[in-house]
Every structure is written in structure tokens, then in C-alpha cells.
């Protein structure tokens, strides 16, 4: 058993701010996976309430900032559409 870690940015919110749709039969983490959202864990084996949930954002090269910003905005809108929760751009580690 080992602990892996990386980091990056995600457009989304903490899992504790989200609720699965009432018509979904399952747990929040199952719904997150089904709709294609990513999770980033702040510490090893953390509950989804303490994971950042959303869409990962690639690192940006300064020359490509306009395209990157469009991508971030698009992902923020899609996150809001899926969850009803406004998204934030979050930089964090991911411990798995």
C-alpha cells in the first residue's frame, strides 16, 4: 500500500456543498462519477465531503491564457448546470 500525491487546479467546490439529485438512487460519490466530475482529496482517505469536486483544469502557459480562461469559464458553467452551486477555481493537492 502506498500513498500517491499530485496537485493542480479544479473548477468546483467542496463535496459538502453539493447534494445529489433527489431522483438518483445512490451515494453522492457515485453520482459524481456518473456525471463525469473529478475529485481531489485534501488528505489520504478523506470523505467526499472534504474532497474538491469539479472539473480539472490544465496548467496554463501565459501565451495561451485567453483559451485557458474560456475553458475555465465553460467548466464553471457546466459545474453550475449540474450542481446548482457556483464554482470556484481551486488549487490543491490530491492525496490518494
C-alpha atoms as a PDB file:
ATOM      1  CA  UNK A   1       0.000   0.000   0.000  1.00  0.00           C
ATOM      2  CA  UNK A   2       1.291   3.414  -0.857  1.00  0.00           C
ATOM      3  CA  UNK A   3       0.116   6.951  -0.839  1.00  0.00           C
ATOM      4  CA  UNK A   4       0.195   8.838  -4.116  1.00  0.00           C
ATOM      5  CA  UNK A   5       0.021  12.576  -4.433  1.00  0.00           C
ATOM      6  CA  UNK A   6      -0.131  15.205  -7.103  1.00  0.00           C
ATOM      7  CA  UNK A   7      -1.801  18.530  -7.354  1.00  0.00           C
ATOM      8  CA  UNK A   8      -3.361  21.002  -9.675  1.00  0.00           C
ATOM      9  CA  UNK A   9      -6.412  23.116 -10.183  1.00  0.00           C
ATOM     10  CA  UNK A  10     -10.071  22.218 -10.222  1.00  0.00           C
ATOM     11  CA  UNK A  11     -13.161  24.278 -11.048  1.00  0.00           C
ATOM     12  CA  UNK A  12     -15.778  23.280  -8.496  1.00  0.00           C
ATOM     13  CA  UNK A  13     -16.495  23.244  -4.792  1.00  0.00           C
ATOM     14  CA  UNK A  14     -16.129  21.125  -1.666  1.00  0.00           C
ATOM     15  CA  UNK A  15     -18.231  17.990  -1.650  1.00  0.00           C
ATOM     16  CA  UNK A  16     -20.046  19.126   1.495  1.00  0.00           C
ATOM     17  CA  UNK A  17     -21.579  21.956  -0.562  1.00  0.00           C
ATOM     18  CA  UNK A  18     -23.175  19.517  -3.029  1.00  0.00           C
ATOM     19  CA  UNK A  19     -26.281  17.390  -2.971  1.00  0.00           C
ATOM     20  CA  UNK A  20     -27.052  14.541  -5.323  1.00  0.00           C
ATOM     21  CA  UNK A  21     -30.278  14.903  -7.294  1.00  0.00           C
ATOM     22  CA  UNK A  22     -33.331  13.538  -5.498  1.00  0.00           C
ATOM     23  CA  UNK A  23     -34.052  11.133  -8.362  1.00  0.00           C
ATOM     24  CA  UNK A  24     -30.600   9.493  -8.125  1.00  0.00           C
ATOM     25  CA  UNK A  25     -30.557   6.175  -6.272  1.00  0.00           C
ATOM     26  CA  UNK A  26     -27.097   6.048  -4.794  1.00  0.00           C
ATOM     27  CA  UNK A  27     -24.454   7.957  -2.901  1.00  0.00           C
ATOM     28  CA  UNK A  28     -23.060  11.371  -3.801  1.00  0.00           C
ATOM     29  CA  UNK A  29     -19.694   9.923  -4.852  1.00  0.00           C
ATOM     30  CA  UNK A  30     -21.490   7.587  -7.285  1.00  0.00           C
ATOM     31  CA  UNK A  31     -23.384  10.481  -8.850  1.00  0.00           C
ATOM     32  CA  UNK A  32     -20.154  12.494  -9.123  1.00  0.00           C
ATOM     33  CA  UNK A  33     -18.545   9.657 -11.064  1.00  0.00           C
ATOM     34  CA  UNK A  34     -21.625   9.095 -13.235  1.00  0.00           C
ATOM     35  CA  UNK A  35     -21.795  12.711 -14.443  1.00  0.00           C
ATOM     36  CA  UNK A  36     -18.032  12.872 -15.105  1.00  0.00           C
ATOM     37  CA  UNK A  37     -16.886  15.174 -12.310  1.00  0.00           C
ATOM     38  CA  UNK A  38     -13.400  14.780 -10.845  1.00  0.00           C
ATOM     39  CA  UNK A  39     -12.423  14.657  -7.176  1.00  0.00           C
ATOM     40  CA  UNK A  40      -9.271  15.928  -5.488  1.00  0.00           C
ATOM     41  CA  UNK A  41      -8.608  14.710  -1.967  1.00  0.00           C
ATOM     42  CA  UNK A  42      -7.006  17.076   0.522  1.00  0.00           C
ATOM     43  CA  UNK A  43      -5.672  14.181   2.600  1.00  0.00           C
ATOM     44  CA  UNK A  44      -5.425  10.403   2.380  1.00  0.00           C
ATOM     45  CA  UNK A  45      -8.729   8.559   2.627  1.00  0.00           C
ATOM     46  CA  UNK A  46     -10.800  11.705   3.133  1.00  0.00           C
ATOM     47  CA  UNK A  47     -14.562  11.557   2.837  1.00  0.00           C
ATOM     48  CA  UNK A  48     -16.152  13.130  -0.260  1.00  0.00           C
ATOM     49  CA  UNK A  49     -17.399  15.997   1.945  1.00  0.00           C
ATOM     50  CA  UNK A  50     -13.761  17.138   2.170  1.00  0.00           C
ATOM     51  CA  UNK A  51     -12.848  16.464  -1.460  1.00  0.00           C
ATOM     52  CA  UNK A  52     -12.896  19.200  -4.030  1.00  0.00           C
ATOM     53  CA  UNK A  53     -15.352  18.134  -6.714  1.00  0.00           C
ATOM     54  CA  UNK A  54     -15.467  19.613 -10.193  1.00  0.00           C
ATOM     55  CA  UNK A  55     -13.531  19.648 -13.450  1.00  0.00           C
ATOM     56  CA  UNK A  56      -9.747  19.587 -13.506  1.00  0.00           C
ATOM     57  CA  UNK A  57      -8.034  22.459 -15.273  1.00  0.00           C
ATOM     58  CA  UNK A  58      -4.775  22.055 -17.163  1.00  0.00           C
ATOM     59  CA  UNK A  59      -1.733  24.112 -16.298  1.00  0.00           C
ATOM     60  CA  UNK A  60      -1.543  27.225 -18.409  1.00  0.00           C
ATOM     61  CA  UNK A  61       1.205  28.730 -20.494  1.00  0.00           C
ATOM     62  CA  UNK A  62       0.981  32.519 -20.437  1.00  0.00           C
ATOM     63  CA  UNK A  63       0.701  32.652 -24.237  1.00  0.00           C
ATOM     64  CA  UNK A  64      -2.484  30.568 -24.067  1.00  0.00           C
ATOM     65  CA  UNK A  65      -4.236  32.442 -21.251  1.00  0.00           C
ATOM     66  CA  UNK A  66      -7.288  33.527 -23.288  1.00  0.00           C
ATOM     67  CA  UNK A  67      -8.074  29.966 -24.362  1.00  0.00           C
ATOM     68  CA  UNK A  68      -7.450  28.741 -20.804  1.00  0.00           C
ATOM     69  CA  UNK A  69      -9.848  31.339 -19.357  1.00  0.00           C
ATOM     70  CA  UNK A  70     -12.537  30.286 -21.840  1.00  0.00           C
ATOM     71  CA  UNK A  71     -12.048  26.693 -20.718  1.00  0.00           C
ATOM     72  CA  UNK A  72     -12.308  27.648 -17.025  1.00  0.00           C
ATOM     73  CA  UNK A  73     -15.494  29.642 -17.636  1.00  0.00           C
ATOM     74  CA  UNK A  74     -17.020  26.808 -19.680  1.00  0.00           C
ATOM     75  CA  UNK A  75     -16.265  24.302 -16.920  1.00  0.00           C
ATOM     76  CA  UNK A  76     -17.657  26.652 -14.253  1.00  0.00           C
ATOM     77  CA  UNK A  77     -20.936  26.973 -16.186  1.00  0.00           C
ATOM     78  CA  UNK A  78     -21.184  23.213 -16.649  1.00  0.00           C
ATOM     79  CA  UNK A  79     -20.490  22.654 -12.937  1.00  0.00           C
ATOM     80  CA  UNK A  80     -23.269  25.100 -12.048  1.00  0.00           C
ATOM     81  CA  UNK A  81     -25.641  23.422 -14.508  1.00  0.00           C
ATOM     82  CA  UNK A  82     -25.000  20.015 -12.938  1.00  0.00           C
ATOM     83  CA  UNK A  83     -24.983  21.039  -9.273  1.00  0.00           C
ATOM     84  CA  UNK A  84     -26.720  24.408  -8.893  1.00  0.00           C
ATOM     85  CA  UNK A  85     -23.654  25.543  -6.920  1.00  0.00           C
ATOM     86  CA  UNK A  86     -21.352  28.349  -8.150  1.00  0.00           C
ATOM     87  CA  UNK A  87     -17.864  27.053  -8.934  1.00  0.00           C
ATOM     88  CA  UNK A  88     -14.544  28.360  -7.663  1.00  0.00           C
ATOM     89  CA  UNK A  89     -11.101  27.891  -9.186  1.00  0.00           C
ATOM     90  CA  UNK A  90      -9.165  25.963  -6.547  1.00  0.00           C
ATOM     91  CA  UNK A  91      -5.513  24.963  -6.450  1.00  0.00           C
ATOM     92  CA  UNK A  92      -4.889  21.981  -4.186  1.00  0.00           C
ATOM     93  CA  UNK A  93      -3.015  18.758  -3.639  1.00  0.00           C
ATOM     94  CA  UNK A  94      -4.578  15.390  -4.418  1.00  0.00           C
ATOM     95  CA  UNK A  95      -3.674  12.620  -1.971  1.00  0.00           C
ATOM     96  CA  UNK A  96      -4.804   9.107  -2.875  1.00  0.00           C
END
